[in-house]
N, C-alpha and C. Protein backbone atom coordinates (compact mmCIF):
# COMPACT_ATOMS: atom_id res chain seq x y z
N MET A 1 -19.43 32.67 50.95
CA MET A 1 -18.20 32.13 51.47
C MET A 1 -17.04 32.60 50.59
N ALA A 2 -15.99 33.09 51.19
CA ALA A 2 -14.83 33.57 50.44
C ALA A 2 -14.03 32.40 49.90
N SER A 3 -13.47 32.58 48.72
CA SER A 3 -12.61 31.55 48.15
C SER A 3 -11.28 31.55 48.88
N PRO A 4 -10.65 30.36 48.99
CA PRO A 4 -9.31 30.33 49.58
C PRO A 4 -8.34 31.12 48.71
N GLN A 5 -7.21 31.54 49.28
CA GLN A 5 -6.23 32.25 48.47
C GLN A 5 -5.71 31.33 47.38
N GLN A 6 -5.27 31.91 46.28
CA GLN A 6 -4.79 31.11 45.16
C GLN A 6 -3.43 30.53 45.49
N PRO A 7 -3.05 29.42 44.91
CA PRO A 7 -3.90 28.60 44.07
C PRO A 7 -4.89 27.79 44.90
N PHE A 8 -6.05 27.53 44.33
CA PHE A 8 -7.02 26.68 45.02
C PHE A 8 -7.73 25.81 44.01
N GLY A 9 -8.43 24.82 44.52
CA GLY A 9 -9.15 23.91 43.66
C GLY A 9 -10.57 23.73 44.12
N THR A 10 -11.42 23.30 43.20
CA THR A 10 -12.80 22.97 43.49
C THR A 10 -13.03 21.52 43.07
N VAL A 11 -13.59 20.72 43.97
CA VAL A 11 -13.85 19.32 43.67
C VAL A 11 -14.96 19.25 42.62
N VAL A 12 -14.67 18.61 41.48
CA VAL A 12 -15.63 18.53 40.39
C VAL A 12 -16.24 17.14 40.22
N SER A 13 -15.69 16.15 40.91
CA SER A 13 -16.24 14.79 40.82
C SER A 13 -17.60 14.75 41.53
N ASP A 14 -18.59 14.15 40.87
CA ASP A 14 -19.93 14.07 41.46
C ASP A 14 -19.95 13.31 42.78
N ILE A 15 -19.03 12.36 42.93
CA ILE A 15 -19.01 11.55 44.17
C ILE A 15 -17.97 12.06 45.16
N GLY A 16 -17.35 13.21 44.86
CA GLY A 16 -16.34 13.75 45.76
C GLY A 16 -14.98 13.15 45.45
N VAL A 17 -14.04 13.38 46.34
CA VAL A 17 -12.67 12.91 46.13
C VAL A 17 -12.08 12.45 47.46
N ASN A 18 -11.26 11.40 47.39
CA ASN A 18 -10.58 10.91 48.59
C ASN A 18 -9.32 11.71 48.86
N LEU A 19 -9.05 11.95 50.14
CA LEU A 19 -7.79 12.54 50.57
C LEU A 19 -6.85 11.37 50.90
N ARG A 20 -5.63 11.43 50.41
CA ARG A 20 -4.70 10.32 50.61
C ARG A 20 -3.38 10.81 51.19
N LYS A 21 -2.75 9.93 51.97
CA LYS A 21 -1.48 10.26 52.62
C LYS A 21 -0.36 10.46 51.60
N TYR A 22 -0.40 9.68 50.50
CA TYR A 22 0.57 9.77 49.42
C TYR A 22 -0.17 9.86 48.09
N PRO A 23 0.46 10.37 47.02
CA PRO A 23 -0.24 10.55 45.74
C PRO A 23 -0.40 9.25 44.95
N SER A 24 -1.23 8.35 45.48
CA SER A 24 -1.49 7.07 44.85
C SER A 24 -2.78 6.48 45.40
N THR A 25 -3.52 5.76 44.56
CA THR A 25 -4.74 5.11 45.06
C THR A 25 -4.39 3.91 45.95
N ASP A 26 -3.12 3.50 45.98
CA ASP A 26 -2.68 2.45 46.90
C ASP A 26 -2.50 3.00 48.32
N SER A 27 -2.45 4.30 48.46
CA SER A 27 -2.26 4.94 49.76
C SER A 27 -3.56 4.97 50.55
N ALA A 28 -3.44 4.95 51.85
CA ALA A 28 -4.62 4.95 52.73
C ALA A 28 -5.44 6.23 52.53
N VAL A 29 -6.76 6.07 52.59
CA VAL A 29 -7.67 7.22 52.53
C VAL A 29 -7.73 7.85 53.93
N SER A 30 -7.47 9.15 54.01
CA SER A 30 -7.48 9.82 55.30
C SER A 30 -8.65 10.79 55.44
N GLY A 31 -9.58 10.75 54.48
CA GLY A 31 -10.76 11.60 54.53
C GLY A 31 -11.31 11.77 53.13
N THR A 32 -12.39 12.51 53.02
CA THR A 32 -12.99 12.78 51.72
C THR A 32 -13.44 14.23 51.65
N LEU A 33 -13.60 14.72 50.44
CA LEU A 33 -14.17 16.05 50.20
C LEU A 33 -15.36 15.88 49.27
N ALA A 34 -16.43 16.60 49.55
CA ALA A 34 -17.65 16.52 48.75
C ALA A 34 -17.53 17.34 47.47
N HIS A 35 -18.37 17.01 46.49
CA HIS A 35 -18.47 17.79 45.25
C HIS A 35 -18.68 19.26 45.60
N GLY A 36 -17.93 20.13 44.95
CA GLY A 36 -18.07 21.57 45.17
C GLY A 36 -17.20 22.13 46.28
N ALA A 37 -16.53 21.27 47.06
CA ALA A 37 -15.66 21.76 48.13
C ALA A 37 -14.50 22.54 47.53
N GLN A 38 -14.11 23.63 48.20
CA GLN A 38 -12.96 24.41 47.75
C GLN A 38 -11.80 24.16 48.70
N ILE A 39 -10.61 23.97 48.13
CA ILE A 39 -9.43 23.62 48.91
C ILE A 39 -8.24 24.44 48.45
N GLY A 40 -7.40 24.82 49.40
CA GLY A 40 -6.15 25.49 49.07
C GLY A 40 -5.13 24.46 48.60
N LEU A 41 -4.41 24.77 47.53
CA LEU A 41 -3.43 23.84 46.98
C LEU A 41 -2.02 24.38 47.21
N ARG A 42 -1.16 23.55 47.82
CA ARG A 42 0.22 23.96 48.10
C ARG A 42 1.15 23.69 46.93
N SER A 43 1.06 22.48 46.37
CA SER A 43 1.95 22.11 45.27
C SER A 43 1.37 20.92 44.52
N LYS A 44 2.09 20.47 43.49
CA LYS A 44 1.63 19.33 42.70
C LYS A 44 2.83 18.44 42.38
N VAL A 45 2.53 17.18 42.09
CA VAL A 45 3.54 16.24 41.63
C VAL A 45 2.96 15.43 40.47
N ASN A 46 3.85 14.84 39.69
CA ASN A 46 3.46 13.85 38.68
C ASN A 46 3.56 12.50 39.35
N ALA A 47 2.46 11.78 39.41
CA ALA A 47 2.41 10.50 40.11
C ALA A 47 1.47 9.56 39.36
N GLN A 48 0.73 8.74 40.09
CA GLN A 48 -0.16 7.77 39.46
C GLN A 48 -1.16 8.45 38.53
N VAL A 49 -1.32 7.89 37.35
CA VAL A 49 -2.25 8.45 36.36
C VAL A 49 -3.66 7.96 36.64
N ILE A 50 -4.59 8.90 36.74
CA ILE A 50 -6.01 8.61 36.96
C ILE A 50 -6.77 9.13 35.74
N ASP A 51 -7.39 8.24 34.98
CA ASP A 51 -8.15 8.62 33.78
C ASP A 51 -7.37 9.59 32.89
N GLY A 52 -6.09 9.30 32.67
CA GLY A 52 -5.28 10.11 31.77
C GLY A 52 -4.61 11.30 32.40
N ASN A 53 -4.85 11.56 33.69
CA ASN A 53 -4.26 12.71 34.38
C ASN A 53 -3.33 12.21 35.48
N GLY A 54 -2.02 12.56 35.38
CA GLY A 54 -1.05 12.08 36.35
C GLY A 54 -0.66 13.10 37.41
N ILE A 55 -1.40 14.21 37.49
CA ILE A 55 -1.09 15.25 38.48
C ILE A 55 -1.85 14.97 39.79
N TRP A 56 -1.16 15.15 40.90
CA TRP A 56 -1.76 15.08 42.24
C TRP A 56 -1.42 16.38 42.98
N TYR A 57 -2.39 16.90 43.73
CA TYR A 57 -2.19 18.14 44.48
C TYR A 57 -2.01 17.86 45.97
N LEU A 58 -1.06 18.57 46.57
CA LEU A 58 -0.87 18.57 48.02
C LEU A 58 -1.68 19.74 48.57
N LEU A 59 -2.52 19.48 49.57
CA LEU A 59 -3.33 20.55 50.15
C LEU A 59 -2.48 21.50 50.97
N ARG A 60 -2.91 22.73 51.06
CA ARG A 60 -2.16 23.75 51.78
C ARG A 60 -2.28 23.60 53.29
N ASP A 61 -3.46 23.17 53.76
CA ASP A 61 -3.70 23.19 55.20
C ASP A 61 -3.47 21.87 55.92
N LYS A 62 -3.19 20.79 55.16
CA LYS A 62 -2.90 19.50 55.78
C LYS A 62 -2.09 18.65 54.82
N PRO A 63 -1.27 17.72 55.33
CA PRO A 63 -0.38 16.93 54.47
C PRO A 63 -1.09 15.75 53.81
N VAL A 64 -2.04 16.05 52.94
CA VAL A 64 -2.77 15.02 52.20
C VAL A 64 -2.83 15.40 50.73
N TRP A 65 -3.05 14.41 49.88
CA TRP A 65 -3.04 14.56 48.43
C TRP A 65 -4.42 14.26 47.84
N VAL A 66 -4.74 14.93 46.73
CA VAL A 66 -5.94 14.63 45.96
C VAL A 66 -5.54 14.49 44.49
N ALA A 67 -6.22 13.61 43.77
CA ALA A 67 -5.97 13.44 42.34
C ALA A 67 -6.53 14.64 41.59
N ALA A 68 -5.70 15.25 40.76
CA ALA A 68 -6.13 16.42 39.99
C ALA A 68 -7.26 16.09 39.03
N ARG A 69 -7.41 14.83 38.68
CA ARG A 69 -8.50 14.40 37.79
C ARG A 69 -9.85 14.82 38.34
N HIS A 70 -9.96 14.95 39.64
CA HIS A 70 -11.24 15.24 40.29
C HIS A 70 -11.34 16.68 40.82
N VAL A 71 -10.34 17.52 40.48
CA VAL A 71 -10.29 18.88 41.03
C VAL A 71 -9.99 19.86 39.89
N ALA A 72 -10.78 20.93 39.81
CA ALA A 72 -10.50 22.02 38.87
C ALA A 72 -9.71 23.08 39.64
N ASN A 73 -8.53 23.44 39.14
CA ASN A 73 -7.71 24.39 39.90
C ASN A 73 -7.80 25.79 39.33
N THR A 74 -7.56 26.77 40.21
CA THR A 74 -7.52 28.19 39.85
C THR A 74 -6.18 28.73 40.34
N GLY A 75 -5.45 29.37 39.45
CA GLY A 75 -4.13 29.87 39.80
C GLY A 75 -3.05 28.85 39.46
N GLN A 76 -1.81 29.29 39.50
CA GLN A 76 -0.67 28.43 39.18
C GLN A 76 -0.30 27.60 40.41
N VAL A 77 -0.28 26.29 40.26
CA VAL A 77 0.11 25.39 41.34
C VAL A 77 1.56 24.98 41.07
N PRO A 78 2.51 25.33 41.98
CA PRO A 78 3.90 25.01 41.72
C PRO A 78 4.19 23.52 41.87
N LEU A 79 5.18 23.03 41.13
CA LEU A 79 5.65 21.67 41.31
C LEU A 79 6.29 21.54 42.68
N SER A 80 6.16 20.38 43.31
CA SER A 80 6.70 20.21 44.66
C SER A 80 8.18 20.51 44.77
N LYS A 81 8.97 20.21 43.72
CA LYS A 81 10.40 20.49 43.80
C LYS A 81 10.69 21.99 43.85
N ASP A 82 9.70 22.82 43.48
CA ASP A 82 9.88 24.27 43.52
C ASP A 82 9.34 24.89 44.80
N VAL A 83 8.83 24.07 45.71
CA VAL A 83 8.22 24.58 46.94
C VAL A 83 9.17 24.33 48.11
N GLU A 84 9.34 25.33 48.97
CA GLU A 84 10.16 25.15 50.16
C GLU A 84 9.50 24.15 51.09
N PRO A 85 10.26 23.21 51.65
CA PRO A 85 9.65 22.27 52.59
C PRO A 85 9.13 22.98 53.83
N GLN A 86 8.01 22.48 54.35
CA GLN A 86 7.48 23.05 55.59
C GLN A 86 8.26 22.45 56.75
N GLY A 87 8.49 23.26 57.81
CA GLY A 87 9.25 22.66 58.89
C GLY A 87 9.21 23.38 60.15
């Protein structure tokens, strides 16, 4: 299987990771990704801190967030303020 274009992430949490509408564990879960799943990353924000890590990634292919604590990234993920809004 080909890796997604950079930047991308690989889920490293043994139990997978929740996809959330907003970068917070208070936000509704809109799906999950299994351990080892590869995902394209659009941008990142500083938000709720999870186990010492306050970065959250916005996925490239859908408007959902994952906690960076559970994802190993490859390539430079731009801050959301540096990314053009999709429209």
